[in-house]
PDB file of N, CA and C in Angstrom:
ATOM      1  N   MET A   1      14.823 -25.612  29.678  1.00  0.00           N
ATOM      2  CA  MET A   1      14.158 -25.664  28.382  1.00  0.00           C
ATOM      3  C   MET A   1      13.875 -24.241  27.898  1.00  0.00           C
ATOM      4  N   ALA A   2      14.099 -23.997  26.628  1.00  0.00           N
ATOM      5  CA  ALA A   2      13.910 -22.670  26.043  1.00  0.00           C
ATOM      6  C   ALA A   2      12.430 -22.378  25.837  1.00  0.00           C
ATOM      7  N   ASN A   3      12.089 -21.130  26.045  1.00  0.00           N
ATOM      8  CA  ASN A   3      10.728 -20.676  25.790  1.00  0.00           C
ATOM      9  C   ASN A   3      10.679 -20.163  24.357  1.00  0.00           C
ATOM     10  N   ILE A   4       9.996 -20.890  23.485  1.00  0.00           N
ATOM     11  CA  ILE A   4       9.947 -20.544  22.063  1.00  0.00           C
ATOM     12  C   ILE A   4       8.596 -19.912  21.752  1.00  0.00           C
ATOM     13  N   ILE A   5       8.654 -18.751  21.167  1.00  0.00           N
ATOM     14  CA  ILE A   5       7.441 -18.077  20.734  1.00  0.00           C
ATOM     15  C   ILE A   5       7.419 -18.122  19.211  1.00  0.00           C
ATOM     16  N   ASP A   6       6.406 -18.765  18.673  1.00  0.00           N
ATOM     17  CA  ASP A   6       6.303 -18.960  17.230  1.00  0.00           C
ATOM     18  C   ASP A   6       5.626 -17.757  16.570  1.00  0.00           C
ATOM     19  N   LEU A   7       6.431 -16.863  16.029  1.00  0.00           N
ATOM     20  CA  LEU A   7       5.896 -15.681  15.363  1.00  0.00           C
ATOM     21  C   LEU A   7       5.371 -15.976  13.961  1.00  0.00           C
ATOM     22  N   SER A   8       5.634 -17.162  13.462  1.00  0.00           N
ATOM     23  CA  SER A   8       5.155 -17.502  12.121  1.00  0.00           C
ATOM     24  C   SER A   8       3.640 -17.646  12.077  1.00  0.00           C
ATOM     25  N   ILE A   9       3.003 -17.787  13.235  1.00  0.00           N
ATOM     26  CA  ILE A   9       1.540 -17.921  13.237  1.00  0.00           C
ATOM     27  C   ILE A   9       0.842 -16.568  13.119  1.00  0.00           C
ATOM     28  N   LEU A  10       1.613 -15.493  13.212  1.00  0.00           N
ATOM     29  CA  LEU A  10       1.032 -14.155  13.093  1.00  0.00           C
ATOM     30  C   LEU A  10       0.945 -13.760  11.621  1.00  0.00           C
ATOM     31  N   THR A  11       0.044 -14.376  10.936  1.00  0.00           N
ATOM     32  CA  THR A  11      -0.105 -14.069   9.507  1.00  0.00           C
ATOM     33  C   THR A  11      -1.297 -13.139   9.327  1.00  0.00           C
ATOM     34  N   ALA A  12      -1.068 -12.054   8.686  1.00  0.00           N
ATOM     35  CA  ALA A  12      -2.114 -11.064   8.455  1.00  0.00           C
ATOM     36  C   ALA A  12      -2.814 -11.351   7.134  1.00  0.00           C
ATOM     37  N   GLU A  13      -4.073 -10.977   7.088  1.00  0.00           N
ATOM     38  CA  GLU A  13      -4.845 -11.143   5.866  1.00  0.00           C
ATOM     39  C   GLU A  13      -4.394 -10.122   4.829  1.00  0.00           C
ATOM     40  N   PRO A  14      -4.193 -10.561   3.598  1.00  0.00           N
ATOM     41  CA  PRO A  14      -3.798  -9.612   2.554  1.00  0.00           C
ATOM     42  C   PRO A  14      -4.970  -8.706   2.175  1.00  0.00           C
ATOM     43  N   LEU A  15      -4.663  -7.657   1.486  1.00  0.00           N
ATOM     44  CA  LEU A  15      -5.668  -6.737   0.972  1.00  0.00           C
ATOM     45  C   LEU A  15      -5.824  -7.033  -0.513  1.00  0.00           C
ATOM     46  N   THR A  16      -7.048  -7.301  -0.949  1.00  0.00           N
ATOM     47  CA  THR A  16      -7.305  -7.553  -2.360  1.00  0.00           C
ATOM     48  C   THR A  16      -8.037  -6.358  -2.942  1.00  0.00           C
ATOM     49  N   LEU A  17      -7.461  -5.770  -3.959  1.00  0.00           N
ATOM     50  CA  LEU A  17      -8.056  -4.624  -4.632  1.00  0.00           C
ATOM     51  C   LEU A  17      -8.511  -5.054  -6.017  1.00  0.00           C
ATOM     52  N   LYS A  18      -9.763  -4.780  -6.323  1.00  0.00           N
ATOM     53  CA  LYS A  18     -10.346  -5.209  -7.589  1.00  0.00           C
ATOM     54  C   LYS A  18     -10.676  -3.987  -8.440  1.00  0.00           C
ATOM     55  N   PHE A  19     -10.113  -3.938  -9.637  1.00  0.00           N
ATOM     56  CA  PHE A  19     -10.410  -2.868 -10.582  1.00  0.00           C
ATOM     57  C   PHE A  19     -11.431  -3.337 -11.614  1.00  0.00           C
ATOM     58  N   SER A  20     -11.415  -4.620 -11.914  1.00  0.00           N
ATOM     59  CA  SER A  20     -12.393  -5.242 -12.799  1.00  0.00           C
ATOM     60  C   SER A  20     -12.316  -6.742 -12.536  1.00  0.00           C
ATOM     61  N   GLU A  21     -13.168  -7.498 -13.196  1.00  0.00           N
ATOM     62  CA  GLU A  21     -13.182  -8.952 -12.971  1.00  0.00           C
ATOM     63  C   GLU A  21     -11.820  -9.593 -13.240  1.00  0.00           C
ATOM     64  N   GLU A  22     -11.121  -9.083 -14.248  1.00  0.00           N
ATOM     65  CA  GLU A  22      -9.828  -9.684 -14.590  1.00  0.00           C
ATOM     66  C   GLU A  22      -8.636  -8.872 -14.106  1.00  0.00           C
ATOM     67  N   ASP A  23      -8.881  -7.790 -13.395  1.00  0.00           N
ATOM     68  CA  ASP A  23      -7.784  -6.932 -12.941  1.00  0.00           C
ATOM     69  C   ASP A  23      -7.850  -6.748 -11.425  1.00  0.00           C
ATOM     70  N   MET A  24      -7.154  -7.675 -10.724  1.00  0.00           N
ATOM     71  CA  MET A  24      -7.145  -7.649  -9.265  1.00  0.00           C
ATOM     72  C   MET A  24      -5.708  -7.668  -8.761  1.00  0.00           C
ATOM     73  N   PHE A  25      -5.502  -7.051  -7.608  1.00  0.00           N
ATOM     74  CA  PHE A  25      -4.196  -7.010  -6.963  1.00  0.00           C
ATOM     75  C   PHE A  25      -4.337  -7.589  -5.563  1.00  0.00           C
ATOM     76  N   THR A  26      -3.388  -8.440  -5.184  1.00  0.00           N
ATOM     77  CA  THR A  26      -3.345  -8.968  -3.827  1.00  0.00           C
ATOM     78  C   THR A  26      -2.113  -8.385  -3.163  1.00  0.00           C
ATOM     79  N   ILE A  27      -2.370  -7.567  -2.146  1.00  0.00           N
ATOM     80  CA  ILE A  27      -1.319  -6.803  -1.481  1.00  0.00           C
ATOM     81  C   ILE A  27      -1.103  -7.354  -0.081  1.00  0.00           C
ATOM     82  N   PRO A  28       0.128  -7.728   0.258  1.00  0.00           N
ATOM     83  CA  PRO A  28       0.368  -8.182   1.627  1.00  0.00           C
ATOM     84  C   PRO A  28       0.099  -7.032   2.598  1.00  0.00           C
ATOM     85  N   ALA A  29      -0.532  -7.343   3.708  1.00  0.00           N
ATOM     86  CA  ALA A  29      -0.898  -6.312   4.674  1.00  0.00           C
ATOM     87  C   ALA A  29       0.212  -6.019   5.667  1.00  0.00           C
ATOM     88  N   GLU A  30       1.289  -6.742   5.593  1.00  0.00           N
ATOM     89  CA  GLU A  30       2.430  -6.525   6.480  1.00  0.00           C
ATOM     90  C   GLU A  30       3.564  -5.919   5.662  1.00  0.00           C
ATOM     91  N   PRO A  31       3.638  -4.598   5.618  1.00  0.00           N
ATOM     92  CA  PRO A  31       4.673  -3.974   4.798  1.00  0.00           C
ATOM     93  C   PRO A  31       6.047  -4.063   5.458  1.00  0.00           C
ATOM     94  N   SER A  32       7.065  -3.940   4.646  1.00  0.00           N
ATOM     95  CA  SER A  32       8.420  -3.888   5.192  1.00  0.00           C
ATOM     96  C   SER A  32       8.621  -2.539   5.870  1.00  0.00           C
ATOM     97  N   VAL A  33       9.600  -2.468   6.737  1.00  0.00           N
ATOM     98  CA  VAL A  33       9.924  -1.208   7.404  1.00  0.00           C
ATOM     99  C   VAL A  33      10.317  -0.164   6.358  1.00  0.00           C
ATOM    100  N   GLU A  34      11.042  -0.592   5.344  1.00  0.00           N
ATOM    101  CA  GLU A  34      11.463   0.322   4.281  1.00  0.00           C
ATOM    102  C   GLU A  34      10.257   0.931   3.572  1.00  0.00           C
ATOM    103  N   LEU A  35       9.247   0.106   3.272  1.00  0.00           N
ATOM    104  CA  LEU A  35       8.050   0.615   2.595  1.00  0.00           C
ATOM    105  C   LEU A  35       7.315   1.597   3.498  1.00  0.00           C
ATOM    106  N   VAL A  36       7.192   1.282   4.766  1.00  0.00           N
ATOM    107  CA  VAL A  36       6.521   2.187   5.707  1.00  0.00           C
ATOM    108  C   VAL A  36       7.237   3.535   5.734  1.00  0.00           C
ATOM    109  N   ASN A  37       8.555   3.511   5.789  1.00  0.00           N
ATOM    110  CA  ASN A  37       9.323   4.757   5.798  1.00  0.00           C
ATOM    111  C   ASN A  37       9.097   5.560   4.518  1.00  0.00           C
ATOM    112  N   HIS A  38       9.064   4.884   3.376  1.00  0.00           N
ATOM    113  CA  HIS A  38       8.806   5.572   2.102  1.00  0.00           C
ATOM    114  C   HIS A  38       7.412   6.200   2.102  1.00  0.00           C
ATOM    115  N   LEU A  39       6.407   5.453   2.560  1.00  0.00           N
ATOM    116  CA  LEU A  39       5.046   5.975   2.572  1.00  0.00           C
ATOM    117  C   LEU A  39       4.923   7.168   3.517  1.00  0.00           C
ATOM    118  N   LEU A  40       5.576   7.101   4.669  1.00  0.00           N
ATOM    119  CA  LEU A  40       5.553   8.228   5.607  1.00  0.00           C
ATOM    120  C   LEU A  40       6.225   9.458   4.994  1.00  0.00           C
ATOM    121  N   ASP A  41       7.332   9.244   4.287  1.00  0.00           N
ATOM    122  CA  ASP A  41       8.004  10.355   3.595  1.00  0.00           C
ATOM    123  C   ASP A  41       7.076  10.982   2.550  1.00  0.00           C
ATOM    124  N   PHE A  42       6.379  10.135   1.795  1.00  0.00           N
ATOM    125  CA  PHE A  42       5.457  10.645   0.783  1.00  0.00           C
ATOM    126  C   PHE A  42       4.322  11.438   1.423  1.00  0.00           C
ATOM    127  N   GLU A  43       3.799  10.949   2.556  1.00  0.00           N
ATOM    128  CA  GLU A  43       2.727  11.664   3.245  1.00  0.00           C
ATOM    129  C   GLU A  43       3.202  13.039   3.698  1.00  0.00           C
ATOM    130  N   ASP A  44       4.386  13.099   4.284  1.00  0.00           N
ATOM    131  CA  ASP A  44       4.948  14.391   4.715  1.00  0.00           C
ATOM    132  C   ASP A  44       5.086  15.345   3.529  1.00  0.00           C
ATOM    133  N   LYS A  45       5.608  14.822   2.427  1.00  0.00           N
ATOM    134  CA  LYS A  45       5.787  15.658   1.243  1.00  0.00           C
ATOM    135  C   LYS A  45       4.444  16.120   0.676  1.00  0.00           C
ATOM    136  N   ALA A  46       3.433  15.231   0.721  1.00  0.00           N
ATOM    137  CA  ALA A  46       2.107  15.584   0.202  1.00  0.00           C
ATOM    138  C   ALA A  46       1.492  16.717   1.027  1.00  0.00           C
ATOM    139  N   LEU A  47       1.696  16.678   2.335  1.00  0.00           N
ATOM    140  CA  LEU A  47       1.167  17.746   3.198  1.00  0.00           C
ATOM    141  C   LEU A  47       1.846  19.086   2.910  1.00  0.00           C
ATOM    142  N   LYS A  48       3.102  19.038   2.491  1.00  0.00           N
ATOM    143  CA  LYS A  48       3.872  20.253   2.232  1.00  0.00           C
ATOM    144  C   LYS A  48       3.856  20.660   0.760  1.00  0.00           C
ATOM    145  N   ALA A  49       3.179  19.878  -0.066  1.00  0.00           N
ATOM    146  CA  ALA A  49       3.168  20.142  -1.502  1.00  0.00           C
ATOM    147  C   ALA A  49       2.605  21.527  -1.794  1.00  0.00           C
ATOM    148  N   LYS A  50       3.254  22.218  -2.706  1.00  0.00           N
ATOM    149  CA  LYS A  50       2.861  23.587  -3.040  1.00  0.00           C
ATOM    150  C   LYS A  50       1.884  23.639  -4.212  1.00  0.00           C
ATOM    151  N   SER A  51       1.715  22.525  -4.890  1.00  0.00           N
ATOM    152  CA  SER A  51       0.794  22.520  -6.028  1.00  0.00           C
ATOM    153  C   SER A  51       0.046  21.189  -6.090  1.00  0.00           C
ATOM    154  N   ASN A  52      -1.087  21.243  -6.777  1.00  0.00           N
ATOM    155  CA  ASN A  52      -1.863  20.016  -6.984  1.00  0.00           C
ATOM    156  C   ASN A  52      -1.085  19.015  -7.819  1.00  0.00           C
ATOM    157  N   LYS A  53      -0.305  19.527  -8.763  1.00  0.00           N
ATOM    158  CA  LYS A  53       0.483  18.646  -9.627  1.00  0.00           C
ATOM    159  C   LYS A  53       1.514  17.879  -8.799  1.00  0.00           C
ATOM    160  N   GLU A  54       2.167  18.572  -7.885  1.00  0.00           N
ATOM    161  CA  GLU A  54       3.150  17.918  -7.014  1.00  0.00           C
ATOM    162  C   GLU A  54       2.471  16.871  -6.129  1.00  0.00           C
ATOM    163  N   GLN A  55       1.302  17.224  -5.587  1.00  0.00           N
ATOM    164  CA  GLN A  55       0.562  16.282  -4.738  1.00  0.00           C
ATOM    165  C   GLN A  55       0.113  15.068  -5.547  1.00  0.00           C
ATOM    166  N   PHE A  56      -0.342  15.288  -6.769  1.00  0.00           N
ATOM    167  CA  PHE A  56      -0.751  14.184  -7.644  1.00  0.00           C
ATOM    168  C   PHE A  56       0.416  13.241  -7.905  1.00  0.00           C
ATOM    169  N   GLY A  57       1.596  13.807  -8.189  1.00  0.00           N
ATOM    170  CA  GLY A  57       2.780  12.976  -8.427  1.00  0.00           C
ATOM    171  C   GLY A  57       3.107  12.096  -7.230  1.00  0.00           C
ATOM    172  N   LEU A  58       2.909  12.622  -6.031  1.00  0.00           N
ATOM    173  CA  LEU A  58       3.174  11.833  -4.823  1.00  0.00           C
ATOM    174  C   LEU A  58       2.144  10.717  -4.646  1.00  0.00           C
ATOM    175  N   PHE A  59       0.872  11.004  -4.977  1.00  0.00           N
ATOM    176  CA  PHE A  59      -0.145   9.951  -4.920  1.00  0.00           C
ATOM    177  C   PHE A  59       0.169   8.837  -5.918  1.00  0.00           C
ATOM    178  N   VAL A  60       0.649   9.216  -7.097  1.00  0.00           N
ATOM    179  CA  VAL A  60       1.032   8.220  -8.098  1.00  0.00           C
ATOM    180  C   VAL A  60       2.136   7.322  -7.537  1.00  0.00           C
ATOM    181  N   LYS A  61       3.146   7.925  -6.929  1.00  0.00           N
ATOM    182  CA  LYS A  61       4.255   7.146  -6.358  1.00  0.00           C
ATOM    183  C   LYS A  61       3.779   6.230  -5.233  1.00  0.00           C
ATOM    184  N   MET A  62       2.922   6.748  -4.348  1.00  0.00           N
ATOM    185  CA  MET A  62       2.411   5.936  -3.236  1.00  0.00           C
ATOM    186  C   MET A  62       1.584   4.759  -3.755  1.00  0.00           C
ATOM    187  N   ALA A  63       0.667   5.037  -4.675  1.00  0.00           N
ATOM    188  CA  ALA A  63      -0.179   3.973  -5.222  1.00  0.00           C
ATOM    189  C   ALA A  63       0.673   2.937  -5.956  1.00  0.00           C
ATOM    190  N   THR A  64       1.679   3.390  -6.679  1.00  0.00           N
ATOM    191  CA  THR A  64       2.567   2.477  -7.397  1.00  0.00           C
ATOM    192  C   THR A  64       3.298   1.565  -6.415  1.00  0.00           C
ATOM    193  N   MET A  65       3.818   2.137  -5.341  1.00  0.00           N
ATOM    194  CA  MET A  65       4.537   1.328  -4.344  1.00  0.00           C
ATOM    195  C   MET A  65       3.625   0.284  -3.706  1.00  0.00           C
ATOM    196  N   ILE A  66       2.401   0.684  -3.399  1.00  0.00           N
ATOM    197  CA  ILE A  66       1.461  -0.246  -2.769  1.00  0.00           C
ATOM    198  C   ILE A  66       1.079  -1.353  -3.741  1.00  0.00           C
ATOM    199  N   LEU A  67       0.663  -0.992  -4.947  1.00  0.00           N
ATOM    200  CA  LEU A  67       0.243  -1.998  -5.930  1.00  0.00           C
ATOM    201  C   LEU A  67       1.396  -2.897  -6.351  1.00  0.00           C
ATOM    202  N   ASN A  68       2.593  -2.375  -6.354  1.00  0.00           N
ATOM    203  CA  ASN A  68       3.756  -3.154  -6.780  1.00  0.00           C
ATOM    204  C   ASN A  68       4.124  -4.256  -5.790  1.00  0.00           C
ATOM    205  N   GLN A  69       3.483  -4.284  -4.641  1.00  0.00           N
ATOM    206  CA  GLN A  69       3.730  -5.368  -3.690  1.00  0.00           C
ATOM    207  C   GLN A  69       3.120  -6.688  -4.151  1.00  0.00           C
ATOM    208  N   ASP A  70       2.179  -6.611  -5.081  1.00  0.00           N
ATOM    209  CA  ASP A  70       1.627  -7.827  -5.674  1.00  0.00           C
ATOM    210  C   ASP A  70       2.719  -8.407  -6.563  1.00  0.00           C
ATOM    211  N   GLU A  71       3.337  -9.477  -6.106  1.00  0.00           N
ATOM    212  CA  GLU A  71       4.500 -10.027  -6.799  1.00  0.00           C
ATOM    213  C   GLU A  71       4.179 -10.619  -8.167  1.00  0.00           C
ATOM    214  N   SER A  72       2.904 -10.813  -8.464  1.00  0.00           N
ATOM    215  CA  SER A  72       2.536 -11.359  -9.769  1.00  0.00           C
ATOM    216  C   SER A  72       2.418 -10.261 -10.832  1.00  0.00           C
ATOM    217  N   ARG A  73       2.575  -9.004 -10.407  1.00  0.00           N
ATOM    218  CA  ARG A  73       2.418  -7.879 -11.318  1.00  0.00           C
ATOM    219  C   ARG A  73       3.674  -7.012 -11.316  1.00  0.00           C
ATOM    220  N   ASP A  74       3.888  -6.302 -12.399  1.00  0.00           N
ATOM    221  CA  ASP A  74       4.956  -5.311 -12.464  1.00  0.00           C
ATOM    222  C   ASP A  74       4.281  -3.966 -12.716  1.00  0.00           C
ATOM    223  N   VAL A  75       4.066  -3.219 -11.662  1.00  0.00           N
ATOM    224  CA  VAL A  75       3.318  -1.971 -11.746  1.00  0.00           C
ATOM    225  C   VAL A  75       4.290  -0.799 -11.880  1.00  0.00           C
ATOM    226  N   THR A  76       4.029   0.042 -12.854  1.00  0.00           N
ATOM    227  CA  THR A  76       4.854   1.232 -13.070  1.00  0.00           C
ATOM    228  C   THR A  76       4.008   2.478 -12.812  1.00  0.00           C
ATOM    229  N   GLU A  77       4.697   3.600 -12.660  1.00  0.00           N
ATOM    230  CA  GLU A  77       3.980   4.865 -12.495  1.00  0.00           C
ATOM    231  C   GLU A  77       3.152   5.168 -13.744  1.00  0.00           C
ATOM    232  N   GLU A  78       3.650   4.772 -14.900  1.00  0.00           N
ATOM    233  CA  GLU A  78       2.902   4.969 -16.146  1.00  0.00           C
ATOM    234  C   GLU A  78       1.583   4.204 -16.112  1.00  0.00           C
ATOM    235  N   PHE A  79       1.614   2.951 -15.635  1.00  0.00           N
ATOM    236  CA  PHE A  79       0.389   2.154 -15.498  1.00  0.00           C
ATOM    237  C   PHE A  79      -0.595   2.882 -14.590  1.00  0.00           C
ATOM    238  N   VAL A  80      -0.107   3.358 -13.449  1.00  0.00           N
ATOM    239  CA  VAL A  80      -0.983   4.015 -12.473  1.00  0.00           C
ATOM    240  C   VAL A  80      -1.597   5.287 -13.061  1.00  0.00           C
ATOM    241  N   THR A  81      -0.801   6.103 -13.728  1.00  0.00           N
ATOM    242  CA  THR A  81      -1.349   7.352 -14.281  1.00  0.00           C
ATOM    243  C   THR A  81      -2.351   7.101 -15.400  1.00  0.00           C
ATOM    244  N   LYS A  82      -2.183   5.996 -16.133  1.00  0.00           N
ATOM    245  CA  LYS A  82      -3.093   5.704 -17.246  1.00  0.00           C
ATOM    246  C   LYS A  82      -4.332   4.925 -16.813  1.00  0.00           C
ATOM    247  N   LYS A  83      -4.203   4.076 -15.800  1.00  0.00           N
ATOM    248  CA  LYS A  83      -5.286   3.143 -15.470  1.00  0.00           C
ATOM    249  C   LYS A  83      -6.014   3.422 -14.154  1.00  0.00           C
ATOM    250  N   VAL A  84      -5.450   4.292 -13.306  1.00  0.00           N
ATOM    251  CA  VAL A  84      -6.019   4.500 -11.973  1.00  0.00           C
ATOM    252  C   VAL A  84      -6.386   5.976 -11.814  1.00  0.00           C
ATOM    253  N   SER A  85      -7.615   6.226 -11.394  1.00  0.00           N
ATOM    254  CA  SER A  85      -8.047   7.613 -11.189  1.00  0.00           C
ATOM    255  C   SER A  85      -7.486   8.155  -9.870  1.00  0.00           C
ATOM    256  N   LEU A  86      -7.508   9.453  -9.715  1.00  0.00           N
ATOM    257  CA  LEU A  86      -7.029  10.075  -8.473  1.00  0.00           C
ATOM    258  C   LEU A  86      -7.851   9.597  -7.280  1.00  0.00           C
ATOM    259  N   THR A  87      -9.155   9.462  -7.468  1.00  0.00           N
ATOM    260  CA  THR A  87     -10.021   8.953  -6.393  1.00  0.00           C
ATOM    261  C   THR A  87      -9.603   7.541  -6.006  1.00  0.00           C
ATOM    262  N   GLN A  88      -9.320   6.703  -6.992  1.00  0.00           N
ATOM    263  CA  GLN A  88      -8.876   5.340  -6.711  1.00  0.00           C
ATOM    264  C   GLN A  88      -7.518   5.340  -6.015  1.00  0.00           C
ATOM    265  N   MET A  89      -6.611   6.226  -6.429  1.00  0.00           N
ATOM    266  CA  MET A  89      -5.293   6.305  -5.776  1.00  0.00           C
ATOM    267  C   MET A  89      -5.453   6.653  -4.301  1.00  0.00           C
ATOM    268  N   ARG A  90      -6.270   7.647  -4.023  1.00  0.00           N
ATOM    269  CA  ARG A  90      -6.503   8.038  -2.627  1.00  0.00           C
ATOM    270  C   ARG A  90      -7.086   6.874  -1.837  1.00  0.00           C
ATOM    271  N   LYS A  91      -8.019   6.160  -2.438  1.00  0.00           N
ATOM    272  CA  LYS A  91      -8.659   5.025  -1.758  1.00  0.00           C
ATOM    273  C   LYS A  91      -7.657   3.898  -1.533  1.00  0.00           C
ATOM    274  N   ILE A  92      -6.784   3.638  -2.497  1.00  0.00           N
ATOM    275  CA  ILE A  92      -5.748   2.609  -2.338  1.00  0.00           C
ATOM    276  C   ILE A  92      -4.898   2.925  -1.117  1.00  0.00           C
ATOM    277  N   VAL A  93      -4.444   4.158  -1.011  1.00  0.00           N
ATOM    278  CA  VAL A  93      -3.599   4.566   0.115  1.00  0.00           C
ATOM    279  C   VAL A  93      -4.374   4.452   1.422  1.00  0.00           C
ATOM    280  N   GLU A  94      -5.608   4.944   1.433  1.00  0.00           N
ATOM    281  CA  GLU A  94      -6.435   4.902   2.643  1.00  0.00           C
ATOM    282  C   GLU A  94      -6.710   3.461   3.085  1.00  0.00           C
ATOM    283  N   LEU A  95      -7.143   2.626   2.148  1.00  0.00           N
ATOM    284  CA  LEU A  95      -7.450   1.228   2.479  1.00  0.00           C
ATOM    285  C   LEU A  95      -6.218   0.484   2.978  1.00  0.00           C
ATOM    286  N   TYR A  96      -5.098   0.736   2.342  1.00  0.00           N
ATOM    287  CA  TYR A  96      -3.862   0.062   2.730  1.00  0.00           C
ATOM    288  C   TYR A  96      -3.461   0.453   4.146  1.00  0.00           C
ATOM    289  N   LYS A  97      -3.508   1.752   4.438  1.00  0.00           N
ATOM    290  CA  LYS A  97      -3.160   2.216   5.784  1.00  0.00           C
ATOM    291  C   LYS A  97      -4.113   1.614   6.819  1.00  0.00           C
ATOM    292  N   ASP A  98      -5.414   1.567   6.494  1.00  0.00           N
ATOM    293  CA  ASP A  98      -6.396   0.980   7.411  1.00  0.00           C
ATOM    294  C   ASP A  98      -6.134  -0.509   7.634  1.00  0.00           C
ATOM    295  N   LYS A  99      -5.798  -1.231   6.561  1.00  0.00           N
ATOM    296  CA  LYS A  99      -5.548  -2.671   6.660  1.00  0.00           C
ATOM    297  C   LYS A  99      -4.304  -2.952   7.494  1.00  0.00           C
ATOM    298  N   VAL A 100      -3.258  -2.172   7.299  1.00  0.00           N
ATOM    299  CA  VAL A 100      -2.030  -2.338   8.077  1.00  0.00           C
ATOM    300  C   VAL A 100      -2.330  -2.095   9.559  1.00  0.00           C
ATOM    301  N   ALA A 101      -3.082  -1.039   9.857  1.00  0.00           N
ATOM    302  CA  ALA A 101      -3.441  -0.729  11.251  1.00  0.00           C
ATOM    303  C   ALA A 101      -4.299  -1.832  11.849  1.00  0.00           C
ATOM    304  N   GLU A 102      -5.265  -2.324  11.092  1.00  0.00           N
ATOM    305  CA  GLU A 102      -6.161  -3.394  11.559  1.00  0.00           C
ATOM    306  C   GLU A 102      -5.351  -4.658  11.896  1.00  0.00           C
ATOM    307  N   ASN A 103      -4.442  -5.023  11.020  1.00  0.00           N
ATOM    308  CA  ASN A 103      -3.633  -6.226  11.259  1.00  0.00           C
ATOM    309  C   ASN A 103      -2.681  -6.037  12.429  1.00  0.00           C
ATOM    310  N   ALA A 104      -2.190  -4.835  12.628  1.00  0.00           N
ATOM    311  CA  ALA A 104      -1.280  -4.568  13.745  1.00  0.00           C
ATOM    312  C   ALA A 104      -2.012  -4.678  15.081  1.00  0.00           C
ATOM    313  N   GLU A 105      -3.309  -4.346  15.082  1.00  0.00           N
ATOM    314  CA  GLU A 105      -4.100  -4.393  16.320  1.00  0.00           C
ATOM    315  C   GLU A 105      -4.696  -5.764  16.587  1.00  0.00           C
ATOM    316  N   ASN A 106      -4.716  -6.643  15.593  1.00  0.00           N
ATOM    317  CA  ASN A 106      -5.310  -7.968  15.734  1.00  0.00           C
ATOM    318  C   ASN A 106      -4.422  -8.840  16.623  1.00  0.00           C
ATOM    319  N   PRO A 107      -4.965  -9.359  17.737  1.00  0.00           N
ATOM    320  CA  PRO A 107      -4.142 -10.177  18.643  1.00  0.00           C
ATOM    321  C   PRO A 107      -3.761 -11.532  18.076  1.00  0.00           C
ATOM    322  N   ASN A 108      -4.391 -11.970  17.000  1.00  0.00           N
ATOM    323  CA  ASN A 108      -4.067 -13.270  16.389  1.00  0.00           C
ATOM    324  C   ASN A 108      -3.007 -13.046  15.376  1.00  0.00           C
TER     325      ASN A 108
END
């Protein structure tokens, strides 16, 4: 008899980000490998950025990628630059990284 391990029960809690009562994003906490690689590339580039403007552009891209995981929304870099502050962008990236780490460590 085969030993079957049901990986479908490993469902992680999504991350919900609220900007206002009517403006919320639900982000899956299990990113694709491709997204993780993109975020790591952005982090490396941000550390090596020679200007604040370059670093800001990378935060915009990272926040856009994270928010765009909410399949009910179509998030663009223009939306992020107009509607999200730099402090909020940093927090989005920080919270997302923390949530991914938390779900990876959760034995359930």
